[in-house]
N, C-alpha and C. Protein backbone atom coordinates (compact mmCIF):
# COMPACT_ATOMS: atom_id res chain seq x y z
N UNK A 1 151.10 100.44 130.04
CA UNK A 1 151.39 101.81 129.64
C UNK A 1 150.30 102.35 128.70
N UNK A 2 149.87 101.46 127.76
CA UNK A 2 148.84 101.87 126.82
C UNK A 2 147.52 102.14 127.55
N UNK A 3 147.23 101.34 128.60
CA UNK A 3 146.00 101.54 129.36
C UNK A 3 146.02 102.90 130.06
N UNK A 4 147.19 103.26 130.60
CA UNK A 4 147.29 104.56 131.27
C UNK A 4 147.10 105.70 130.27
N UNK A 5 147.70 105.53 129.09
CA UNK A 5 147.55 106.57 128.07
C UNK A 5 146.10 106.67 127.61
N UNK A 6 145.44 105.53 127.50
CA UNK A 6 144.04 105.53 127.09
C UNK A 6 143.18 106.22 128.14
N UNK A 7 143.44 105.95 129.42
CA UNK A 7 142.68 106.59 130.48
C UNK A 7 142.90 108.10 130.47
N UNK A 8 144.13 108.52 130.22
CA UNK A 8 144.42 109.95 130.17
C UNK A 8 143.66 110.62 129.02
N UNK A 9 143.68 109.96 127.87
CA UNK A 9 142.98 110.50 126.71
C UNK A 9 141.46 110.59 126.96
N UNK A 10 140.92 109.58 127.64
CA UNK A 10 139.48 109.59 127.93
C UNK A 10 139.13 110.69 128.94
N UNK A 11 140.03 110.93 129.89
CA UNK A 11 139.80 112.04 130.82
C UNK A 11 139.79 113.37 130.07
N UNK A 12 140.74 113.51 129.15
CA UNK A 12 140.78 114.73 128.35
C UNK A 12 139.51 114.86 127.50
N UNK A 13 139.07 113.73 126.95
CA UNK A 13 137.85 113.73 126.14
C UNK A 13 136.66 114.19 126.97
N UNK A 14 136.59 113.71 128.20
CA UNK A 14 135.49 114.09 129.09
C UNK A 14 135.54 115.59 129.38
N UNK A 15 136.73 116.13 129.59
CA UNK A 15 136.87 117.56 129.87
C UNK A 15 136.43 118.37 128.66
N UNK A 16 136.90 117.96 127.48
CA UNK A 16 136.50 118.68 126.26
C UNK A 16 134.98 118.63 126.06
N UNK A 17 134.42 117.48 126.38
CA UNK A 17 132.97 117.33 126.24
C UNK A 17 132.23 118.26 127.18
N UNK A 18 132.70 118.36 128.41
CA UNK A 18 132.07 119.24 129.38
C UNK A 18 132.22 120.71 128.98
N UNK A 19 133.29 121.03 128.28
CA UNK A 19 133.53 122.41 127.85
C UNK A 19 132.75 122.76 126.57
N UNK A 20 132.04 121.79 126.03
CA UNK A 20 131.30 122.04 124.80
C UNK A 20 132.17 122.01 123.56
N UNK A 21 133.21 121.15 123.58
CA UNK A 21 134.10 120.99 122.43
C UNK A 21 134.02 119.53 121.94
N UNK A 22 132.91 119.15 121.31
CA UNK A 22 132.71 117.75 120.94
C UNK A 22 133.71 117.21 119.94
N UNK A 23 134.20 118.06 119.03
CA UNK A 23 135.15 117.58 118.03
C UNK A 23 136.45 117.13 118.69
N UNK A 24 136.94 117.94 119.63
CA UNK A 24 138.16 117.58 120.35
C UNK A 24 137.93 116.35 121.22
N UNK A 25 136.76 116.25 121.83
CA UNK A 25 136.43 115.09 122.65
C UNK A 25 136.38 113.83 121.80
N UNK A 26 135.80 113.93 120.61
CA UNK A 26 135.73 112.76 119.72
C UNK A 26 137.13 112.32 119.31
N UNK A 27 137.99 113.28 119.02
CA UNK A 27 139.37 112.94 118.62
C UNK A 27 140.10 112.20 119.74
N UNK A 28 139.94 112.66 120.98
CA UNK A 28 140.61 111.99 122.11
C UNK A 28 140.03 110.59 122.31
N UNK A 29 138.72 110.44 122.13
CA UNK A 29 138.10 109.12 122.29
C UNK A 29 138.65 108.13 121.27
N UNK A 30 138.75 108.57 120.05
CA UNK A 30 139.24 107.68 119.00
C UNK A 30 140.70 107.30 119.27
N UNK A 31 141.48 108.24 119.72
CA UNK A 31 142.87 107.94 120.06
C UNK A 31 142.95 106.93 121.20
N UNK A 32 142.07 107.11 122.19
CA UNK A 32 142.07 106.20 123.34
C UNK A 32 141.65 104.80 122.92
N UNK A 33 140.68 104.70 122.03
CA UNK A 33 140.20 103.39 121.62
C UNK A 33 141.19 102.67 120.69
N UNK A 34 142.06 103.41 120.08
CA UNK A 34 143.13 102.75 119.33
C UNK A 34 144.07 102.02 120.28
N UNK A 35 144.21 102.56 121.49
CA UNK A 35 145.07 101.94 122.49
C UNK A 35 144.32 100.88 123.29
N UNK A 36 143.04 101.13 123.55
CA UNK A 36 142.23 100.20 124.34
C UNK A 36 140.88 100.01 123.64
N UNK A 37 140.83 99.21 122.59
CA UNK A 37 139.62 99.09 121.76
C UNK A 37 138.40 98.52 122.48
N UNK A 38 138.60 97.84 123.60
CA UNK A 38 137.47 97.24 124.32
C UNK A 38 137.08 98.02 125.56
N UNK A 39 137.52 99.26 125.67
CA UNK A 39 137.15 100.09 126.82
C UNK A 39 135.69 100.50 126.68
N UNK A 40 134.84 99.96 127.54
CA UNK A 40 133.40 100.17 127.44
C UNK A 40 133.04 101.65 127.60
N UNK A 41 133.64 102.29 128.59
CA UNK A 41 133.35 103.70 128.82
C UNK A 41 133.74 104.57 127.65
N UNK A 42 134.90 104.27 127.06
CA UNK A 42 135.36 105.05 125.90
C UNK A 42 134.46 104.85 124.69
N UNK A 43 134.06 103.61 124.46
CA UNK A 43 133.18 103.33 123.32
C UNK A 43 131.84 104.05 123.49
N UNK A 44 131.31 104.01 124.71
CA UNK A 44 130.01 104.65 124.94
C UNK A 44 130.11 106.16 124.83
N UNK A 45 131.21 106.72 125.31
CA UNK A 45 131.38 108.17 125.19
C UNK A 45 131.45 108.58 123.73
N UNK A 46 132.19 107.80 122.92
CA UNK A 46 132.28 108.11 121.50
C UNK A 46 130.91 107.98 120.84
N UNK A 47 130.16 106.95 121.25
CA UNK A 47 128.82 106.77 120.70
C UNK A 47 127.93 107.97 121.04
N UNK A 48 128.03 108.46 122.27
CA UNK A 48 127.25 109.62 122.67
C UNK A 48 127.61 110.84 121.83
N UNK A 49 128.89 111.02 121.60
CA UNK A 49 129.34 112.17 120.81
C UNK A 49 128.86 112.07 119.37
N UNK A 50 128.92 110.88 118.82
CA UNK A 50 128.46 110.69 117.44
C UNK A 50 126.95 110.89 117.32
N UNK A 51 126.22 110.39 118.31
CA UNK A 51 124.77 110.58 118.31
C UNK A 51 124.43 112.06 118.40
N UNK A 52 125.21 112.79 119.17
CA UNK A 52 124.97 114.22 119.34
C UNK A 52 125.15 115.01 118.06
N UNK A 53 126.04 114.54 117.18
CA UNK A 53 126.25 115.28 115.93
C UNK A 53 125.48 114.68 114.76
N UNK A 54 124.68 113.64 115.04
CA UNK A 54 123.81 113.09 114.01
C UNK A 54 124.34 111.89 113.26
N UNK A 55 125.49 111.36 113.66
CA UNK A 55 126.04 110.16 113.02
C UNK A 55 125.40 108.93 113.68
N UNK A 56 124.13 108.71 113.38
CA UNK A 56 123.34 107.74 114.13
C UNK A 56 123.74 106.30 113.84
N UNK A 57 124.06 106.00 112.60
CA UNK A 57 124.40 104.61 112.26
C UNK A 57 125.65 104.16 112.99
N UNK A 58 126.70 104.98 112.97
CA UNK A 58 127.94 104.63 113.66
C UNK A 58 127.71 104.58 115.17
N UNK A 59 126.90 105.50 115.68
CA UNK A 59 126.59 105.50 117.11
C UNK A 59 125.86 104.22 117.49
N UNK A 60 124.90 103.80 116.67
CA UNK A 60 124.17 102.55 116.95
C UNK A 60 125.12 101.36 117.01
N UNK A 61 126.06 101.28 116.08
CA UNK A 61 127.01 100.17 116.07
C UNK A 61 127.87 100.16 117.33
N UNK A 62 128.23 101.35 117.77
CA UNK A 62 129.06 101.44 118.98
C UNK A 62 128.28 101.05 120.22
N UNK A 63 127.02 101.45 120.32
CA UNK A 63 126.20 101.04 121.46
C UNK A 63 126.03 99.52 121.47
N UNK A 64 125.86 98.95 120.30
CA UNK A 64 125.75 97.49 120.22
C UNK A 64 127.04 96.83 120.67
N UNK A 65 128.17 97.44 120.33
CA UNK A 65 129.46 96.92 120.78
C UNK A 65 129.58 96.98 122.30
N UNK A 66 129.10 98.08 122.88
CA UNK A 66 129.12 98.21 124.35
C UNK A 66 128.34 97.07 124.98
N UNK A 67 127.18 96.77 124.44
CA UNK A 67 126.33 95.73 125.03
C UNK A 67 126.89 94.33 124.78
N UNK A 68 127.67 94.18 123.74
CA UNK A 68 128.36 92.90 123.54
C UNK A 68 129.42 92.69 124.62
N UNK A 69 130.11 93.79 124.95
CA UNK A 69 131.15 93.71 125.96
C UNK A 69 130.59 93.69 127.37
N UNK A 70 129.48 94.39 127.56
CA UNK A 70 128.89 94.47 128.90
C UNK A 70 127.37 94.39 128.79
N UNK A 71 126.83 93.20 128.64
CA UNK A 71 125.37 93.04 128.50
C UNK A 71 124.63 93.62 129.71
N UNK A 72 123.50 94.25 129.44
CA UNK A 72 122.68 94.80 130.51
C UNK A 72 123.06 96.19 130.95
N UNK A 73 124.01 96.81 130.28
CA UNK A 73 124.40 98.18 130.64
C UNK A 73 123.24 99.11 130.31
N UNK A 74 122.61 99.63 131.32
CA UNK A 74 121.35 100.36 131.15
C UNK A 74 121.49 101.60 130.28
N UNK A 75 122.53 102.37 130.50
CA UNK A 75 122.70 103.62 129.74
C UNK A 75 122.83 103.33 128.25
N UNK A 76 123.58 102.26 127.92
CA UNK A 76 123.76 101.90 126.51
C UNK A 76 122.47 101.36 125.91
N UNK A 77 121.73 100.58 126.69
CA UNK A 77 120.45 100.04 126.20
C UNK A 77 119.47 101.17 125.88
N UNK A 78 119.40 102.15 126.78
CA UNK A 78 118.48 103.28 126.57
C UNK A 78 118.87 104.08 125.34
N UNK A 79 120.16 104.36 125.23
CA UNK A 79 120.64 105.14 124.09
C UNK A 79 120.44 104.38 122.78
N UNK A 80 120.69 103.07 122.81
CA UNK A 80 120.52 102.26 121.61
C UNK A 80 119.06 102.26 121.17
N UNK A 81 118.14 102.11 122.11
CA UNK A 81 116.71 102.12 121.78
C UNK A 81 116.31 103.44 121.15
N UNK A 82 116.82 104.54 121.68
CA UNK A 82 116.50 105.86 121.14
C UNK A 82 117.05 106.01 119.72
N UNK A 83 118.27 105.54 119.52
CA UNK A 83 118.90 105.64 118.20
C UNK A 83 118.15 104.80 117.17
N UNK A 84 117.80 103.57 117.56
CA UNK A 84 117.09 102.69 116.64
C UNK A 84 115.74 103.29 116.24
N UNK A 85 115.05 103.88 117.20
CA UNK A 85 113.76 104.51 116.92
C UNK A 85 113.93 105.69 115.97
N UNK A 86 114.94 106.50 116.20
CA UNK A 86 115.17 107.66 115.35
C UNK A 86 115.56 107.24 113.93
N UNK A 87 116.40 106.20 113.84
CA UNK A 87 116.78 105.69 112.51
C UNK A 87 115.57 105.13 111.78
N UNK A 88 114.69 104.46 112.52
CA UNK A 88 113.48 103.91 111.91
C UNK A 88 112.59 105.02 111.36
N UNK A 89 112.44 106.10 112.12
CA UNK A 89 111.63 107.23 111.66
C UNK A 89 112.25 107.88 110.44
N UNK A 90 113.57 108.00 110.43
CA UNK A 90 114.25 108.59 109.27
C UNK A 90 114.05 107.72 108.04
N UNK A 91 114.10 106.40 108.22
CA UNK A 91 113.91 105.49 107.09
C UNK A 91 112.49 105.61 106.54
N UNK A 92 111.52 105.73 107.43
CA UNK A 92 110.13 105.89 107.00
C UNK A 92 109.95 107.20 106.23
N UNK A 93 110.58 108.26 106.72
CA UNK A 93 110.51 109.54 106.03
C UNK A 93 111.17 109.46 104.66
N UNK A 94 112.29 108.74 104.60
CA UNK A 94 113.01 108.60 103.32
C UNK A 94 112.16 107.84 102.31
N UNK A 95 111.54 106.75 102.76
CA UNK A 95 110.70 105.96 101.86
C UNK A 95 109.49 106.76 101.39
N UNK A 96 108.91 107.52 102.31
CA UNK A 96 107.76 108.35 101.95
C UNK A 96 108.16 109.40 100.91
N UNK A 97 109.35 109.99 101.09
CA UNK A 97 109.83 110.98 100.13
C UNK A 97 110.09 110.35 98.76
N UNK A 98 110.65 109.14 98.76
CA UNK A 98 110.90 108.44 97.50
C UNK A 98 109.59 108.14 96.77
N UNK A 99 108.59 107.69 97.53
CA UNK A 99 107.30 107.40 96.92
C UNK A 99 106.66 108.66 96.36
N UNK A 100 106.83 109.76 97.09
CA UNK A 100 106.25 111.02 96.64
C UNK A 100 106.92 111.49 95.36
N UNK A 101 108.26 111.36 95.30
CA UNK A 101 108.98 111.77 94.10
C UNK A 101 108.64 110.88 92.92
N UNK A 102 108.47 109.58 93.21
CA UNK A 102 108.20 108.64 92.13
C UNK A 102 106.77 108.74 91.65
N UNK A 103 105.83 108.92 92.57
CA UNK A 103 104.42 108.89 92.19
C UNK A 103 103.73 110.23 92.17
N UNK A 104 104.40 111.29 92.64
CA UNK A 104 103.75 112.58 92.72
C UNK A 104 103.18 113.07 91.40
N UNK A 105 103.98 113.17 90.32
CA UNK A 105 103.44 113.66 89.05
C UNK A 105 102.29 112.81 88.53
N UNK A 106 102.42 111.49 88.66
CA UNK A 106 101.35 110.60 88.18
C UNK A 106 100.08 110.80 88.99
N UNK A 107 100.25 110.95 90.31
CA UNK A 107 99.08 111.16 91.17
C UNK A 107 98.39 112.48 90.83
N UNK A 108 99.19 113.53 90.62
CA UNK A 108 98.61 114.83 90.27
C UNK A 108 97.86 114.77 88.94
N UNK A 109 98.47 114.07 87.97
CA UNK A 109 97.82 113.94 86.66
C UNK A 109 96.51 113.16 86.77
N UNK A 110 96.51 112.09 87.57
CA UNK A 110 95.30 111.30 87.75
C UNK A 110 94.23 112.10 88.45
N UNK A 111 94.62 112.87 89.47
CA UNK A 111 93.64 113.71 90.17
C UNK A 111 93.03 114.74 89.23
N UNK A 112 93.88 115.38 88.42
CA UNK A 112 93.39 116.39 87.49
C UNK A 112 92.41 115.78 86.49
N UNK A 113 92.75 114.57 86.03
CA UNK A 113 91.87 113.90 85.06
C UNK A 113 90.51 113.60 85.68
N UNK A 114 90.52 113.08 86.91
CA UNK A 114 89.27 112.73 87.57
C UNK A 114 88.43 113.96 87.88
N UNK A 115 89.08 115.03 88.35
CA UNK A 115 88.35 116.26 88.65
C UNK A 115 87.72 116.83 87.38
N UNK A 116 88.49 116.86 86.29
CA UNK A 116 87.97 117.38 85.02
C UNK A 116 86.79 116.56 84.52
N UNK A 117 86.94 115.23 84.61
CA UNK A 117 85.88 114.36 84.13
C UNK A 117 84.62 114.49 84.97
N UNK A 118 84.77 114.59 86.28
CA UNK A 118 83.59 114.73 87.15
C UNK A 118 82.87 116.05 86.88
N UNK A 119 83.63 117.13 86.60
CA UNK A 119 83.01 118.42 86.29
C UNK A 119 82.24 118.34 84.97
N UNK A 120 82.86 117.71 83.97
CA UNK A 120 82.20 117.59 82.67
C UNK A 120 80.91 116.76 82.78
N UNK A 121 80.97 115.69 83.54
CA UNK A 121 79.79 114.84 83.68
C UNK A 121 78.65 115.57 84.36
N UNK A 122 78.98 116.33 85.43
CA UNK A 122 77.92 117.08 86.11
C UNK A 122 77.44 118.25 85.27
N UNK A 123 78.32 118.79 84.43
CA UNK A 123 77.88 119.87 83.54
C UNK A 123 76.90 119.35 82.49
N UNK A 124 77.10 118.11 82.05
CA UNK A 124 76.17 117.51 81.08
C UNK A 124 74.82 117.21 81.72
N UNK A 125 74.87 116.68 82.95
CA UNK A 125 73.62 116.41 83.68
C UNK A 125 73.94 116.34 85.16
N UNK A 126 73.30 117.18 85.93
CA UNK A 126 73.57 117.27 87.37
C UNK A 126 73.44 115.91 88.05
N UNK A 127 74.44 115.58 88.87
CA UNK A 127 74.40 114.35 89.64
C UNK A 127 75.27 113.24 89.08
N UNK A 128 75.57 113.29 87.77
CA UNK A 128 76.37 112.22 87.17
C UNK A 128 77.80 112.26 87.70
N UNK A 129 78.31 113.47 87.91
CA UNK A 129 79.67 113.60 88.47
C UNK A 129 79.77 113.01 89.86
N UNK A 130 78.72 113.18 90.67
CA UNK A 130 78.72 112.59 92.01
C UNK A 130 78.69 111.07 91.94
N UNK A 131 77.92 110.54 91.02
CA UNK A 131 77.88 109.08 90.85
C UNK A 131 79.25 108.56 90.43
N UNK A 132 79.93 109.29 89.56
CA UNK A 132 81.28 108.93 89.13
C UNK A 132 82.25 108.92 90.31
N UNK A 133 82.04 109.86 91.24
CA UNK A 133 82.92 109.95 92.42
C UNK A 133 82.57 108.92 93.49
N UNK A 134 81.53 108.12 93.26
CA UNK A 134 81.15 107.12 94.24
C UNK A 134 80.07 107.58 95.20
N UNK A 135 79.59 108.82 95.04
CA UNK A 135 78.53 109.36 95.90
C UNK A 135 77.18 109.12 95.20
N UNK A 136 76.80 107.85 95.14
CA UNK A 136 75.65 107.46 94.33
C UNK A 136 74.34 108.09 94.81
N UNK A 137 74.09 108.02 96.12
CA UNK A 137 72.84 108.55 96.66
C UNK A 137 72.72 110.04 96.39
N UNK A 138 73.77 110.78 96.67
CA UNK A 138 73.75 112.22 96.41
C UNK A 138 73.54 112.49 94.93
N UNK A 139 74.22 111.71 94.08
CA UNK A 139 74.08 111.91 92.65
C UNK A 139 72.66 111.68 92.16
N UNK A 140 72.02 110.64 92.68
CA UNK A 140 70.63 110.35 92.28
C UNK A 140 69.69 111.47 92.73
N UNK A 141 69.87 111.94 93.96
CA UNK A 141 69.01 113.02 94.47
C UNK A 141 69.17 114.28 93.63
N UNK A 142 70.42 114.66 93.34
CA UNK A 142 70.66 115.84 92.52
C UNK A 142 70.10 115.65 91.11
N UNK A 143 70.29 114.45 90.58
CA UNK A 143 69.79 114.18 89.24
C UNK A 143 68.28 114.26 89.14
N UNK A 144 67.58 113.72 90.13
CA UNK A 144 66.12 113.77 90.13
C UNK A 144 65.63 115.20 90.28
N UNK A 145 66.27 115.95 91.20
CA UNK A 145 65.87 117.34 91.39
C UNK A 145 66.07 118.15 90.11
N UNK A 146 67.17 117.90 89.45
CA UNK A 146 67.46 118.62 88.21
C UNK A 146 66.47 118.21 87.11
N UNK A 147 66.16 116.93 87.05
CA UNK A 147 65.22 116.44 86.03
C UNK A 147 63.83 117.05 86.22
N UNK A 148 63.37 117.10 87.47
CA UNK A 148 62.06 117.71 87.75
C UNK A 148 62.05 119.18 87.34
N UNK A 149 63.15 119.87 87.66
CA UNK A 149 63.21 121.29 87.30
C UNK A 149 63.23 121.48 85.79
N UNK A 150 63.86 120.55 85.07
CA UNK A 150 63.87 120.65 83.61
C UNK A 150 62.48 120.45 83.03
N UNK A 151 61.79 119.46 83.55
CA UNK A 151 60.48 119.11 82.99
C UNK A 151 59.43 120.17 83.31
N UNK A 152 59.40 120.59 84.58
CA UNK A 152 58.31 121.46 85.02
C UNK A 152 58.72 122.93 85.14
N UNK A 153 59.98 123.20 85.30
CA UNK A 153 60.40 124.57 85.55
C UNK A 153 61.02 125.28 84.38
N UNK A 154 61.76 124.55 83.55
CA UNK A 154 62.47 125.22 82.45
C UNK A 154 61.54 125.91 81.46
N UNK A 155 60.44 125.27 81.04
CA UNK A 155 59.54 125.98 80.11
C UNK A 155 59.00 127.28 80.69
N UNK A 156 58.60 127.25 81.96
CA UNK A 156 58.07 128.46 82.59
C UNK A 156 59.16 129.52 82.73
N UNK A 157 60.38 129.07 83.03
CA UNK A 157 61.48 130.02 83.16
C UNK A 157 61.76 130.69 81.82
N UNK A 158 61.73 129.94 80.75
CA UNK A 158 61.96 130.50 79.42
C UNK A 158 60.86 131.49 79.06
N UNK A 159 59.59 131.16 79.38
CA UNK A 159 58.49 132.09 79.11
C UNK A 159 58.69 133.41 79.87
N UNK A 160 59.16 133.29 81.13
CA UNK A 160 59.40 134.49 81.93
C UNK A 160 60.49 135.35 81.31
N UNK A 161 61.53 134.72 80.83
CA UNK A 161 62.62 135.47 80.19
C UNK A 161 62.11 136.18 78.95
N UNK A 162 61.32 135.47 78.14
CA UNK A 162 60.79 136.09 76.93
C UNK A 162 59.86 137.26 77.27
N UNK A 163 59.08 137.06 78.32
CA UNK A 163 58.17 138.13 78.73
C UNK A 163 58.94 139.35 79.17
N UNK A 164 60.03 139.15 79.93
CA UNK A 164 60.85 140.27 80.37
C UNK A 164 61.54 140.95 79.20
N UNK A 165 61.83 140.16 78.17
CA UNK A 165 62.51 140.72 77.00
C UNK A 165 61.54 141.43 76.06
N UNK A 166 60.25 141.39 76.40
CA UNK A 166 59.27 142.08 75.56
C UNK A 166 58.65 141.19 74.52
N UNK A 167 59.03 139.91 74.49
CA UNK A 167 58.43 138.98 73.54
C UNK A 167 57.07 138.55 74.05
N UNK A 168 56.35 137.82 73.24
CA UNK A 168 55.02 137.38 73.60
C UNK A 168 54.97 135.85 73.51
N UNK A 169 55.44 135.19 74.55
CA UNK A 169 55.44 133.72 74.52
C UNK A 169 54.04 133.18 74.55
N UNK A 170 53.88 132.01 73.97
CA UNK A 170 52.57 131.36 73.96
C UNK A 170 52.24 130.84 75.36
N UNK A 171 51.01 130.95 75.74
CA UNK A 171 50.59 130.46 77.04
C UNK A 171 50.89 131.45 78.14
N UNK A 172 50.37 131.18 79.29
CA UNK A 172 50.59 132.05 80.44
C UNK A 172 51.84 131.61 81.20
N UNK A 173 52.50 132.57 81.76
CA UNK A 173 53.69 132.27 82.57
C UNK A 173 53.28 132.06 84.00
N UNK A 174 53.90 131.05 84.64
CA UNK A 174 53.62 130.77 86.04
C UNK A 174 54.81 131.06 86.91
N UNK A 175 54.56 131.85 87.95
CA UNK A 175 55.69 132.23 88.81
C UNK A 175 56.32 131.04 89.50
N UNK A 176 55.50 130.08 89.94
CA UNK A 176 56.07 128.92 90.63
C UNK A 176 56.91 128.07 89.68
N UNK A 177 56.50 127.97 88.47
CA UNK A 177 57.28 127.23 87.49
C UNK A 177 58.62 127.90 87.23
N UNK A 178 58.60 129.24 87.16
CA UNK A 178 59.85 129.98 86.96
C UNK A 178 60.79 129.80 88.14
N UNK A 179 60.22 129.82 89.34
CA UNK A 179 61.04 129.60 90.55
C UNK A 179 61.65 128.21 90.52
N UNK A 180 60.87 127.23 90.07
CA UNK A 180 61.38 125.87 89.98
C UNK A 180 62.51 125.78 88.96
N UNK A 181 62.37 126.54 87.88
CA UNK A 181 63.45 126.57 86.89
C UNK A 181 64.71 127.18 87.43
N UNK A 182 64.57 128.27 88.19
CA UNK A 182 65.75 128.90 88.82
C UNK A 182 66.39 127.95 89.81
N UNK A 183 65.55 127.23 90.57
CA UNK A 183 66.08 126.25 91.53
C UNK A 183 66.88 125.17 90.79
N UNK A 184 66.39 124.76 89.61
CA UNK A 184 67.11 123.78 88.82
C UNK A 184 68.47 124.29 88.38
N UNK A 185 68.54 125.59 88.06
CA UNK A 185 69.82 126.19 87.69
C UNK A 185 70.80 126.15 88.85
N UNK A 186 70.30 126.44 90.05
CA UNK A 186 71.16 126.38 91.23
C UNK A 186 71.60 124.95 91.52
N UNK A 187 70.70 124.00 91.29
CA UNK A 187 71.06 122.59 91.47
C UNK A 187 72.20 122.21 90.53
N UNK A 188 72.11 122.67 89.30
CA UNK A 188 73.15 122.37 88.31
C UNK A 188 74.50 122.97 88.72
N UNK A 189 74.47 124.24 89.14
CA UNK A 189 75.71 124.90 89.57
C UNK A 189 76.31 124.19 90.77
N UNK A 190 75.45 123.87 91.75
CA UNK A 190 75.93 123.16 92.94
C UNK A 190 76.53 121.81 92.56
N UNK A 191 75.89 121.08 91.65
CA UNK A 191 76.36 119.76 91.27
C UNK A 191 77.74 119.84 90.64
N UNK A 192 77.97 120.85 89.80
CA UNK A 192 79.28 121.00 89.15
C UNK A 192 80.36 121.29 90.18
N UNK A 193 80.09 122.23 91.08
CA UNK A 193 81.09 122.61 92.09
C UNK A 193 81.34 121.44 93.05
N UNK A 194 80.25 120.79 93.48
CA UNK A 194 80.38 119.68 94.42
C UNK A 194 81.11 118.50 93.80
N UNK A 195 80.92 118.26 92.52
CA UNK A 195 81.61 117.15 91.85
C UNK A 195 83.11 117.37 91.85
N UNK A 196 83.53 118.62 91.62
CA UNK A 196 84.96 118.92 91.65
C UNK A 196 85.54 118.70 93.04
N UNK A 197 84.83 119.21 94.06
CA UNK A 197 85.30 119.02 95.43
C UNK A 197 85.32 117.56 95.83
N UNK A 198 84.29 116.81 95.41
CA UNK A 198 84.26 115.39 95.75
C UNK A 198 85.38 114.62 95.12
N UNK A 199 85.74 114.97 93.88
CA UNK A 199 86.84 114.28 93.20
C UNK A 199 88.17 114.57 93.89
N UNK A 200 88.37 115.80 94.37
CA UNK A 200 89.60 116.15 95.06
C UNK A 200 89.72 115.44 96.40
N UNK A 201 88.62 115.31 97.10
CA UNK A 201 88.65 114.61 98.40
C UNK A 201 88.87 113.12 98.24
N UNK A 202 88.28 112.55 97.21
CA UNK A 202 88.39 111.11 97.02
C UNK A 202 89.74 110.73 96.44
N UNK A 203 90.30 111.61 95.65
CA UNK A 203 91.59 111.37 95.01
C UNK A 203 92.48 112.58 95.29
N UNK A 204 92.92 112.76 96.55
CA UNK A 204 93.58 114.01 96.94
C UNK A 204 94.92 114.24 96.29
N UNK A 205 95.64 113.20 95.87
CA UNK A 205 96.97 113.41 95.31
C UNK A 205 97.92 113.94 96.34
N UNK A 206 98.85 114.79 95.95
CA UNK A 206 99.81 115.33 96.90
C UNK A 206 99.62 116.82 97.09
């Protein structure tokens, strides 16, 4: 008698499911399984309904129960594999979110510190910030270019400024030297900006 009642309830569950009434279908399935707890079709239908509404853990357990009762049932194996994969992805997302919440402020603070320090170093002398960021070759090239411009270009650039201001600097002003000094200024500006960008790329934070 209980088997007949269970079959009737499962038929009703199937009808409700086809009509797009999953809550009513789930209720009938649960009632049927109380009468026939080992009914493979009923267990799998309930698992499908639970998976459809996002109750993945309970659905996974039910699919596993189906396979215990009927090993090799293809539909249950496929559904179980899909559920396990989705649960695994959710767990990875959860762990990533936890790490972000736990380490986000510290990572941001560390990135800000490194960016600030690299800017200050390049502001003191072009290229040092790049060396700090691990870009040694670029830092050396910028540093040498800046050093040459300081030695050979800065004096001429200062004389040109004084001349434009109406002062009378000692010695003659050389246009090429002034150009070299201006180039050194651009090297310095580039080094400061590039050091900040390099620090952000190397230590991106969140």
